[in-house]
Amino acid sequence: MLEEKNKHKITIYINGEEKEVVKDKISYEEVIKLAFGHYENSETVIYTVIYFKGNNDKPNGFLLKGQVVMVKKGMRINVTRTNKS
């Protein structure tokens, strides 16, 4: 396996912003950190992560806490954060 620094960069879009990753897979928490700069693990904060134009096996779907998704060039990910009241 190649070291991360030797891998090529893959361009994806999170909330419309271009991001470069050097991974084959990205986790729920990593996506949220790229979207908001941090991940808040709290009972009062809920994140919704929806991806489009992903891997051919499952090009569209929801990414849930604890899950990972294969990264594909041009993939689009929308992340929303809501406070539970």
PDB file of N, CA and C in Angstrom:
ATOM      1  N   MET A   1       0.842  -1.177   0.000  1.00  0.00           N
ATOM      2  CA  MET A   1       0.000   0.000   0.000  1.00  0.00           C
ATOM      3  C   MET A   1       0.894   1.250   0.000  1.00  0.00           C
ATOM      4  N   LEU A   2       0.524   2.214  -0.813  1.00  0.00           N
ATOM      5  CA  LEU A   2       1.280   3.453  -0.880  1.00  0.00           C
ATOM      6  C   LEU A   2       1.043   4.287   0.367  1.00  0.00           C
ATOM      7  N   GLU A   3       2.067   5.015   0.759  1.00  0.00           N
ATOM      8  CA  GLU A   3       1.883   5.937   1.864  1.00  0.00           C
ATOM      9  C   GLU A   3       0.981   7.063   1.406  1.00  0.00           C
ATOM     10  N   GLU A   4       0.251   7.652   2.330  1.00  0.00           N
ATOM     11  CA  GLU A   4      -0.710   8.691   2.002  1.00  0.00           C
ATOM     12  C   GLU A   4      -0.081   9.844   1.215  1.00  0.00           C
ATOM     13  N   LYS A   5       1.146  10.233   1.550  1.00  0.00           N
ATOM     14  CA  LYS A   5       1.772  11.358   0.865  1.00  0.00           C
ATOM     15  C   LYS A   5       2.106  11.046  -0.598  1.00  0.00           C
ATOM     16  N   ASN A   6       2.178   9.768  -0.967  1.00  0.00           N
ATOM     17  CA  ASN A   6       2.480   9.388  -2.340  1.00  0.00           C
ATOM     18  C   ASN A   6       1.227   9.156  -3.179  1.00  0.00           C
ATOM     19  N   LYS A   7       0.055   9.205  -2.567  1.00  0.00           N
ATOM     20  CA  LYS A   7      -1.187   9.007  -3.299  1.00  0.00           C
ATOM     21  C   LYS A   7      -1.565  10.278  -4.042  1.00  0.00           C
ATOM     22  N   HIS A   8      -2.352  10.108  -5.095  1.00  0.00           N
ATOM     23  CA  HIS A   8      -2.809  11.271  -5.845  1.00  0.00           C
ATOM     24  C   HIS A   8      -3.990  11.926  -5.141  1.00  0.00           C
ATOM     25  N   LYS A   9      -4.169  13.202  -5.399  1.00  0.00           N
ATOM     26  CA  LYS A   9      -5.252  13.950  -4.784  1.00  0.00           C
ATOM     27  C   LYS A   9      -6.525  13.745  -5.596  1.00  0.00           C
ATOM     28  N   ILE A  10      -7.630  13.617  -4.888  1.00  0.00           N
ATOM     29  CA  ILE A  10      -8.933  13.467  -5.519  1.00  0.00           C
ATOM     30  C   ILE A  10      -9.762  14.683  -5.137  1.00  0.00           C
ATOM     31  N   THR A  11     -10.330  15.354  -6.132  1.00  0.00           N
ATOM     32  CA  THR A  11     -11.149  16.534  -5.884  1.00  0.00           C
ATOM     33  C   THR A  11     -12.600  16.125  -5.699  1.00  0.00           C
ATOM     34  N   ILE A  12     -13.165  16.536  -4.554  1.00  0.00           N
ATOM     35  CA  ILE A  12     -14.579  16.324  -4.277  1.00  0.00           C
ATOM     36  C   ILE A  12     -15.166  17.686  -3.880  1.00  0.00           C
ATOM     37  N   TYR A  13     -16.478  17.753  -3.774  1.00  0.00           N
ATOM     38  CA  TYR A  13     -17.153  19.003  -3.412  1.00  0.00           C
ATOM     39  C   TYR A  13     -18.025  18.768  -2.190  1.00  0.00           C
ATOM     40  N   ILE A  14     -17.774  19.555  -1.152  1.00  0.00           N
ATOM     41  CA  ILE A  14     -18.556  19.463   0.079  1.00  0.00           C
ATOM     42  C   ILE A  14     -19.252  20.801   0.282  1.00  0.00           C
ATOM     43  N   ASN A  15     -20.580  20.748   0.308  1.00  0.00           N
ATOM     44  CA  ASN A  15     -21.402  21.965   0.398  1.00  0.00           C
ATOM     45  C   ASN A  15     -21.000  22.980  -0.673  1.00  0.00           C
ATOM     46  N   GLY A  16     -20.681  22.480  -1.858  1.00  0.00           N
ATOM     47  CA  GLY A  16     -20.339  23.332  -2.990  1.00  0.00           C
ATOM     48  C   GLY A  16     -18.897  23.804  -3.021  1.00  0.00           C
ATOM     49  N   GLU A  17     -18.131  23.526  -1.993  1.00  0.00           N
ATOM     50  CA  GLU A  17     -16.731  23.953  -1.939  1.00  0.00           C
ATOM     51  C   GLU A  17     -15.809  22.818  -2.366  1.00  0.00           C
ATOM     52  N   GLU A  18     -14.843  23.160  -3.192  1.00  0.00           N
ATOM     53  CA  GLU A  18     -13.882  22.166  -3.672  1.00  0.00           C
ATOM     54  C   GLU A  18     -12.937  21.769  -2.538  1.00  0.00           C
ATOM     55  N   LYS A  19     -12.782  20.466  -2.355  1.00  0.00           N
ATOM     56  CA  LYS A  19     -11.866  19.929  -1.347  1.00  0.00           C
ATOM     57  C   LYS A  19     -11.021  18.851  -2.003  1.00  0.00           C
ATOM     58  N   GLU A  20      -9.763  18.739  -1.592  1.00  0.00           N
ATOM     59  CA  GLU A  20      -8.892  17.686  -2.102  1.00  0.00           C
ATOM     60  C   GLU A  20      -8.603  16.697  -0.981  1.00  0.00           C
ATOM     61  N   VAL A  21      -8.755  15.417  -1.291  1.00  0.00           N
ATOM     62  CA  VAL A  21      -8.465  14.366  -0.326  1.00  0.00           C
ATOM     63  C   VAL A  21      -7.478  13.398  -0.963  1.00  0.00           C
ATOM     64  N   VAL A  22      -6.724  12.715  -0.126  1.00  0.00           N
ATOM     65  CA  VAL A  22      -5.747  11.736  -0.615  1.00  0.00           C
ATOM     66  C   VAL A  22      -6.071  10.364  -0.045  1.00  0.00           C
ATOM     67  N   LYS A  23      -7.358  10.044  -0.036  1.00  0.00           N
ATOM     68  CA  LYS A  23      -7.830   8.783   0.521  1.00  0.00           C
ATOM     69  C   LYS A  23      -8.753   8.105  -0.475  1.00  0.00           C
ATOM     70  N   ASP A  24      -8.859   6.795  -0.344  1.00  0.00           N
ATOM     71  CA  ASP A  24      -9.815   6.052  -1.162  1.00  0.00           C
ATOM     72  C   ASP A  24     -11.200   6.080  -0.537  1.00  0.00           C
ATOM     73  N   LYS A  25     -11.245   6.237   0.792  1.00  0.00           N
ATOM     74  CA  LYS A  25     -12.500   6.262   1.536  1.00  0.00           C
ATOM     75  C   LYS A  25     -12.480   7.451   2.480  1.00  0.00           C
ATOM     76  N   ILE A  26     -13.679   7.949   2.797  1.00  0.00           N
ATOM     77  CA  ILE A  26     -13.788   9.046   3.746  1.00  0.00           C
ATOM     78  C   ILE A  26     -14.902   8.713   4.731  1.00  0.00           C
ATOM     79  N   SER A  27     -14.672   9.042   5.987  1.00  0.00           N
ATOM     80  CA  SER A  27     -15.638   8.703   7.031  1.00  0.00           C
ATOM     81  C   SER A  27     -16.638   9.843   7.248  1.00  0.00           C
ATOM     82  N   TYR A  28     -17.698   9.490   7.922  1.00  0.00           N
ATOM     83  CA  TYR A  28     -18.739  10.446   8.321  1.00  0.00           C
ATOM     84  C   TYR A  28     -18.111  11.628   9.064  1.00  0.00           C
ATOM     85  N   GLU A  29     -17.294  11.332  10.060  1.00  0.00           N
ATOM     86  CA  GLU A  29     -16.672  12.376  10.864  1.00  0.00           C
ATOM     87  C   GLU A  29     -15.718  13.241  10.043  1.00  0.00           C
ATOM     88  N   GLU A  30     -14.952  12.633   9.134  1.00  0.00           N
ATOM     89  CA  GLU A  30     -14.018  13.393   8.294  1.00  0.00           C
ATOM     90  C   GLU A  30     -14.763  14.344   7.363  1.00  0.00           C
ATOM     91  N   VAL A  31     -15.883  13.910   6.817  1.00  0.00           N
ATOM     92  CA  VAL A  31     -16.689  14.769   5.946  1.00  0.00           C
ATOM     93  C   VAL A  31     -17.177  15.990   6.718  1.00  0.00           C
ATOM     94  N   ILE A  32     -17.652  15.766   7.939  1.00  0.00           N
ATOM     95  CA  ILE A  32     -18.156  16.872   8.759  1.00  0.00           C
ATOM     96  C   ILE A  32     -17.034  17.848   9.100  1.00  0.00           C
ATOM     97  N   LYS A  33     -15.851  17.337   9.416  1.00  0.00           N
ATOM     98  CA  LYS A  33     -14.709  18.211   9.702  1.00  0.00           C
ATOM     99  C   LYS A  33     -14.340  19.048   8.483  1.00  0.00           C
ATOM    100  N   LEU A  34     -14.399  18.454   7.289  1.00  0.00           N
ATOM    101  CA  LEU A  34     -14.114  19.214   6.071  1.00  0.00           C
ATOM    102  C   LEU A  34     -15.186  20.273   5.816  1.00  0.00           C
ATOM    103  N   ALA A  35     -16.418  19.984   6.177  1.00  0.00           N
ATOM    104  CA  ALA A  35     -17.519  20.921   5.954  1.00  0.00           C
ATOM    105  C   ALA A  35     -17.514  22.080   6.951  1.00  0.00           C
ATOM    106  N   PHE A  36     -17.293  21.779   8.230  1.00  0.00           N
ATOM    107  CA  PHE A  36     -17.442  22.790   9.281  1.00  0.00           C
ATOM    108  C   PHE A  36     -16.172  23.102  10.066  1.00  0.00           C
ATOM    109  N   GLY A  37     -15.089  22.390   9.803  1.00  0.00           N
ATOM    110  CA  GLY A  37     -13.838  22.635  10.507  1.00  0.00           C
ATOM    111  C   GLY A  37     -13.680  21.826  11.780  1.00  0.00           C
ATOM    112  N   HIS A  38     -14.772  21.263  12.273  1.00  0.00           N
ATOM    113  CA  HIS A  38     -14.714  20.418  13.480  1.00  0.00           C
ATOM    114  C   HIS A  38     -15.944  19.514  13.503  1.00  0.00           C
ATOM    115  N   TYR A  39     -15.864  18.479  14.322  1.00  0.00           N
ATOM    116  CA  TYR A  39     -16.982  17.560  14.521  1.00  0.00           C
ATOM    117  C   TYR A  39     -17.384  17.628  15.977  1.00  0.00           C
ATOM    118  N   GLU A  40     -18.650  17.920  16.227  1.00  0.00           N
ATOM    119  CA  GLU A  40     -19.156  18.002  17.596  1.00  0.00           C
ATOM    120  C   GLU A  40     -19.951  16.738  17.900  1.00  0.00           C
ATOM    121  N   ASN A  41     -19.413  15.915  18.768  1.00  0.00           N
ATOM    122  CA  ASN A  41     -20.078  14.674  19.160  1.00  0.00           C
ATOM    123  C   ASN A  41     -20.962  14.977  20.359  1.00  0.00           C
ATOM    124  N   SER A  42     -22.217  15.325  20.071  1.00  0.00           N
ATOM    125  CA  SER A  42     -23.132  15.765  21.107  1.00  0.00           C
ATOM    126  C   SER A  42     -24.528  15.213  20.835  1.00  0.00           C
ATOM    127  N   GLU A  43     -25.289  15.007  21.892  1.00  0.00           N
ATOM    128  CA  GLU A  43     -26.671  14.545  21.733  1.00  0.00           C
ATOM    129  C   GLU A  43     -27.575  15.639  21.193  1.00  0.00           C
ATOM    130  N   THR A  44     -27.144  16.898  21.288  1.00  0.00           N
ATOM    131  CA  THR A  44     -27.992  18.002  20.839  1.00  0.00           C
ATOM    132  C   THR A  44     -27.691  18.455  19.414  1.00  0.00           C
ATOM    133  N   VAL A  45     -26.626  17.954  18.818  1.00  0.00           N
ATOM    134  CA  VAL A  45     -26.259  18.331  17.442  1.00  0.00           C
ATOM    135  C   VAL A  45     -26.451  17.119  16.540  1.00  0.00           C
ATOM    136  N   ILE A  46     -27.176  17.334  15.444  1.00  0.00           N
ATOM    137  CA  ILE A  46     -27.424  16.266  14.479  1.00  0.00           C
ATOM    138  C   ILE A  46     -26.882  16.704  13.121  1.00  0.00           C
ATOM    139  N   TYR A  47     -26.112  15.820  12.489  1.00  0.00           N
ATOM    140  CA  TYR A  47     -25.583  16.075  11.151  1.00  0.00           C
ATOM    141  C   TYR A  47     -26.282  15.155  10.152  1.00  0.00           C
ATOM    142  N   THR A  48     -26.597  15.697   9.000  1.00  0.00           N
ATOM    143  CA  THR A  48     -27.128  14.898   7.899  1.00  0.00           C
ATOM    144  C   THR A  48     -26.130  14.989   6.760  1.00  0.00           C
ATOM    145  N   VAL A  49     -25.671  13.842   6.258  1.00  0.00           N
ATOM    146  CA  VAL A  49     -24.669  13.787   5.198  1.00  0.00           C
ATOM    147  C   VAL A  49     -25.263  12.998   4.031  1.00  0.00           C
ATOM    148  N   ILE A  50     -25.394  13.670   2.884  1.00  0.00           N
ATOM    149  CA  ILE A  50     -25.929  13.046   1.669  1.00  0.00           C
ATOM    150  C   ILE A  50     -24.872  13.188   0.584  1.00  0.00           C
ATOM    151  N   TYR A  51     -24.588  12.101  -0.128  1.00  0.00           N
ATOM    152  CA  TYR A  51     -23.597  12.168  -1.203  1.00  0.00           C
ATOM    153  C   TYR A  51     -24.210  11.788  -2.546  1.00  0.00           C
ATOM    154  N   PHE A  52     -23.618  12.349  -3.608  1.00  0.00           N
ATOM    155  CA  PHE A  52     -24.055  12.140  -4.981  1.00  0.00           C
ATOM    156  C   PHE A  52     -22.833  11.904  -5.853  1.00  0.00           C
ATOM    157  N   LYS A  53     -23.019  11.237  -6.956  1.00  0.00           N
ATOM    158  CA  LYS A  53     -21.957  10.978  -7.942  1.00  0.00           C
ATOM    159  C   LYS A  53     -20.791  10.217  -7.314  1.00  0.00           C
ATOM    160  N   GLY A  54     -21.117   9.277  -6.441  1.00  0.00           N
ATOM    161  CA  GLY A  54     -20.092   8.488  -5.770  1.00  0.00           C
ATOM    162  C   GLY A  54     -19.726   7.249  -6.559  1.00  0.00           C
ATOM    163  N   ASN A  55     -19.181   6.290  -5.864  1.00  0.00           N
ATOM    164  CA  ASN A  55     -18.765   5.023  -6.446  1.00  0.00           C
ATOM    165  C   ASN A  55     -19.916   4.366  -7.199  1.00  0.00           C
ATOM    166  N   ASN A  56     -19.598   3.649  -8.259  1.00  0.00           N
ATOM    167  CA  ASN A  56     -20.619   3.022  -9.092  1.00  0.00           C
ATOM    168  C   ASN A  56     -21.493   2.028  -8.349  1.00  0.00           C
ATOM    169  N   ASP A  57     -20.973   1.378  -7.291  1.00  0.00           N
ATOM    170  CA  ASP A  57     -21.769   0.420  -6.537  1.00  0.00           C
ATOM    171  C   ASP A  57     -22.943   1.092  -5.828  1.00  0.00           C
ATOM    172  N   LYS A  58     -22.723   2.296  -5.349  1.00  0.00           N
ATOM    173  CA  LYS A  58     -23.773   3.065  -4.671  1.00  0.00           C
ATOM    174  C   LYS A  58     -23.489   4.548  -4.905  1.00  0.00           C
ATOM    175  N   PRO A  59     -23.920   5.083  -6.048  1.00  0.00           N
ATOM    176  CA  PRO A  59     -23.553   6.453  -6.410  1.00  0.00           C
ATOM    177  C   PRO A  59     -24.194   7.543  -5.556  1.00  0.00           C
ATOM    178  N   ASN A  60     -25.345   7.269  -4.952  1.00  0.00           N
ATOM    179  CA  ASN A  60     -26.048   8.258  -4.136  1.00  0.00           C
ATOM    180  C   ASN A  60     -26.496   7.604  -2.839  1.00  0.00           C
ATOM    181  N   GLY A  61     -26.473   8.390  -1.757  1.00  0.00           N
ATOM    182  CA  GLY A  61     -26.962   7.826  -0.501  1.00  0.00           C
ATOM    183  C   GLY A  61     -26.677   8.709   0.691  1.00  0.00           C
ATOM    184  N   PHE A  62     -27.043   8.201   1.839  1.00  0.00           N
ATOM    185  CA  PHE A  62     -26.789   8.874   3.108  1.00  0.00           C
ATOM    186  C   PHE A  62     -25.572   8.234   3.753  1.00  0.00           C
ATOM    187  N   LEU A  63     -24.741   9.057   4.380  1.00  0.00           N
ATOM    188  CA  LEU A  63     -23.602   8.566   5.146  1.00  0.00           C
ATOM    189  C   LEU A  63     -23.950   8.751   6.614  1.00  0.00           C
ATOM    190  N   LEU A  64     -23.952   7.663   7.349  1.00  0.00           N
ATOM    191  CA  LEU A  64     -24.348   7.692   8.755  1.00  0.00           C
ATOM    192  C   LEU A  64     -23.138   7.589   9.669  1.00  0.00           C
ATOM    193  N   LYS A  65     -23.339   7.972  10.928  1.00  0.00           N
ATOM    194  CA  LYS A  65     -22.264   7.931  11.923  1.00  0.00           C
ATOM    195  C   LYS A  65     -21.643   6.542  11.956  1.00  0.00           C
ATOM    196  N   GLY A  66     -20.302   6.483  11.883  1.00  0.00           N
ATOM    197  CA  GLY A  66     -19.575   5.228  11.904  1.00  0.00           C
ATOM    198  C   GLY A  66     -19.336   4.616  10.540  1.00  0.00           C
ATOM    199  N   GLN A  67     -19.924   5.189   9.497  1.00  0.00           N
ATOM    200  CA  GLN A  67     -19.769   4.643   8.152  1.00  0.00           C
ATOM    201  C   GLN A  67     -18.671   5.372   7.376  1.00  0.00           C
ATOM    202  N   VAL A  68     -18.217   4.724   6.296  1.00  0.00           N
ATOM    203  CA  VAL A  68     -17.289   5.325   5.345  1.00  0.00           C
ATOM    204  C   VAL A  68     -17.869   5.138   3.949  1.00  0.00           C
ATOM    205  N   VAL A  69     -17.400   5.965   3.023  1.00  0.00           N
ATOM    206  CA  VAL A  69     -17.847   5.859   1.639  1.00  0.00           C
ATOM    207  C   VAL A  69     -16.615   5.973   0.736  1.00  0.00           C
ATOM    208  N   MET A  70     -16.644   5.255  -0.375  1.00  0.00           N
ATOM    209  CA  MET A  70     -15.567   5.339  -1.361  1.00  0.00           C
ATOM    210  C   MET A  70     -15.577   6.734  -1.995  1.00  0.00           C
ATOM    211  N   VAL A  71     -14.408   7.316  -2.176  1.00  0.00           N
ATOM    212  CA  VAL A  71     -14.273   8.645  -2.762  1.00  0.00           C
ATOM    213  C   VAL A  71     -14.094   8.504  -4.271  1.00  0.00           C
ATOM    214  N   LYS A  72     -14.746   9.375  -5.010  1.00  0.00           N
ATOM    215  CA  LYS A  72     -14.641   9.384  -6.470  1.00  0.00           C
ATOM    216  C   LYS A  72     -14.482  10.827  -6.936  1.00  0.00           C
ATOM    217  N   LYS A  73     -13.647  11.040  -7.921  1.00  0.00           N
ATOM    218  CA  LYS A  73     -13.413  12.383  -8.454  1.00  0.00           C
ATOM    219  C   LYS A  73     -14.741  13.015  -8.856  1.00  0.00           C
ATOM    220  N   GLY A  74     -14.965  14.253  -8.404  1.00  0.00           N
ATOM    221  CA  GLY A  74     -16.174  14.988  -8.738  1.00  0.00           C
ATOM    222  C   GLY A  74     -17.362  14.678  -7.843  1.00  0.00           C
ATOM    223  N   MET A  75     -17.167  13.820  -6.868  1.00  0.00           N
ATOM    224  CA  MET A  75     -18.238  13.457  -5.939  1.00  0.00           C
ATOM    225  C   MET A  75     -18.752  14.708  -5.236  1.00  0.00           C
ATOM    226  N   ARG A  76     -20.047  14.737  -4.976  1.00  0.00           N
ATOM    227  CA  ARG A  76     -20.680  15.865  -4.289  1.00  0.00           C
ATOM    228  C   ARG A  76     -21.254  15.372  -2.963  1.00  0.00           C
ATOM    229  N   ILE A  77     -20.987  16.152  -1.902  1.00  0.00           N
ATOM    230  CA  ILE A  77     -21.482  15.800  -0.573  1.00  0.00           C
ATOM    231  C   ILE A  77     -22.112  17.044   0.052  1.00  0.00           C
ATOM    232  N   ASN A  78     -23.338  16.885   0.541  1.00  0.00           N
ATOM    233  CA  ASN A  78     -24.017  17.965   1.246  1.00  0.00           C
ATOM    234  C   ASN A  78     -24.125  17.591   2.714  1.00  0.00           C
ATOM    235  N   VAL A  79     -23.710  18.529   3.575  1.00  0.00           N
ATOM    236  CA  VAL A  79     -23.731  18.299   5.020  1.00  0.00           C
ATOM    237  C   VAL A  79     -24.528  19.411   5.669  1.00  0.00           C
ATOM    238  N   THR A  80     -25.504  19.040   6.487  1.00  0.00           N
ATOM    239  CA  THR A  80     -26.249  20.028   7.256  1.00  0.00           C
ATOM    240  C   THR A  80     -26.112  19.702   8.731  1.00  0.00           C
ATOM    241  N   ARG A  81     -26.191  20.745   9.523  1.00  0.00           N
ATOM    242  CA  ARG A  81     -26.074  20.610  10.976  1.00  0.00           C
ATOM    243  C   ARG A  81     -27.300  21.257  11.606  1.00  0.00           C
ATOM    244  N   THR A  82     -27.947  20.541  12.495  1.00  0.00           N
ATOM    245  CA  THR A  82     -29.101  21.107  13.202  1.00  0.00           C
ATOM    246  C   THR A  82     -28.937  20.878  14.693  1.00  0.00           C
ATOM    247  N   ASN A  83     -29.508  21.775  15.461  1.00  0.00           N
ATOM    248  CA  ASN A  83     -29.509  21.646  16.917  1.00  0.00           C
ATOM    249  C   ASN A  83     -30.854  21.078  17.337  1.00  0.00           C
ATOM    250  N   LYS A  84     -30.791  20.051  18.128  1.00  0.00           N
ATOM    251  CA  LYS A  84     -31.995  19.411  18.649  1.00  0.00           C
ATOM    252  C   LYS A  84     -32.555  20.283  19.775  1.00  0.00           C
ATOM    253  N   SER A  85     -33.841  20.580  19.709  1.00  0.00           N
ATOM    254  CA  SER A  85     -34.411  21.389  20.793  1.00  0.00           C
ATOM    255  C   SER A  85     -35.449  20.639  21.563  1.00  0.00           C
TER     256      SER A  85
END
